[in-house]
């Protein structure tokens, strides 16, 4: 059983010391990392099958050391940077969003909590249990859209949907609370982020902080608030860079908020423009780099990115798996699963998305993987890396490497 992952953990904080100098000391800087899982396809999937049944589930990602096969193959791999962007503990809130197949709803349903996805003597949080149907829930889950939040009866069978987004958070910008927990909703859109935006507020973490000498004294948050369409700005309820990034995407999406479902090419274009806009705003106020791993769906299509604004650094990990039609191993892609870490022991069907790449899936177009293409003159995206072997072997090698003394010459997988 998993104990409370928050036990013994000190929240990173800024502490002001007394005295004439008024020195500000940053204590235990936060990592810029979260974990998420997303599925979008043409057939409904049980939430339990996606979130708790896999060999390496979202709960495992939240409470155990990161398992990221293939990342060391990058020419930019740096162990300390990897640790900052792929946290071993992601216990600052979680959430699940889905589109109810039974009701043919266009607006997503969502549950969110400010505490860990697993806590106490339980493997799961009771809200997660309500969604995945692990037994009688002790309290109802929430159904929410852009205008209302209402209680509905607890369920004992797993939610089924053609689009499921789930996220477990390691807080950077924004305190751990329900409003700051992913996924975020913008009318019919569902949005998640893993990473951090440099210069977003005055409390940048270690992975995005850098000298701001000669830069603007404002923040990305202030710049975004001043430039977002007021109707979109009103959809932001929390204080995270992630939620503001989602608002920037909605701002770039043509036909929003009038649309219900959006052309896949429009969603790709909006994500490219949002990444460019966020990178430019961050460059105005900070020399730090930003990690922009995003995922967004309208309940029918999905677009996701793995992006780091520094040409010399890798983003957090992000993997994808093609979903084939039932009984059709060689058929067209019937959907896609995107995850911060592979879910299955058999890695043969998983691919590490290359740096500065984006993928998209729609029922008509199928799966497309391509470069984000910004900035065109200084960065070229990496190739994707198909995986092989098993996650259990990779995990065993990682554990052996952690036990070995420094300089012991342990085989790197």
Foldseek 3Di string as FASTA:
>chain_A
DDAALCPPPDDWDWDFDDDDVRDIDTDPFAAQWWWKKKWAFPFKDFPCVQAPPFPCHNLNQAAAFDQFPPPVVDPLDDVVNQCRQRDGHQWQKKKKWFAAPVVNDLAIFMFIFRTGQAYHPGSGDLQVCQANQPDWRPAFGWGDFQPDIDGDHGDNHHGIANIMMMIGGRDFWFHRGRLPYDFAYDGLKTKDWGKAFAQQDPRGTPQFADDQVPADPHGLVVVLCVPQDPVLNVSRDGGGPRSSLVSQLLSQQPPPPVDSAHPQVSSLVSNLVSVVVSQVRNVRGHPGKIWTFMWMHSRFKIKTWGEIPDQSHGHQWKKKFFDDPVPCPPDAGRIMMMISHDRHFFQQRMKIQWYQKMWMAGRVPGIDIGHSPPPVPPHDTDHIGRDGHTSVVSVVQVVVVVPDDPPPPRDHD
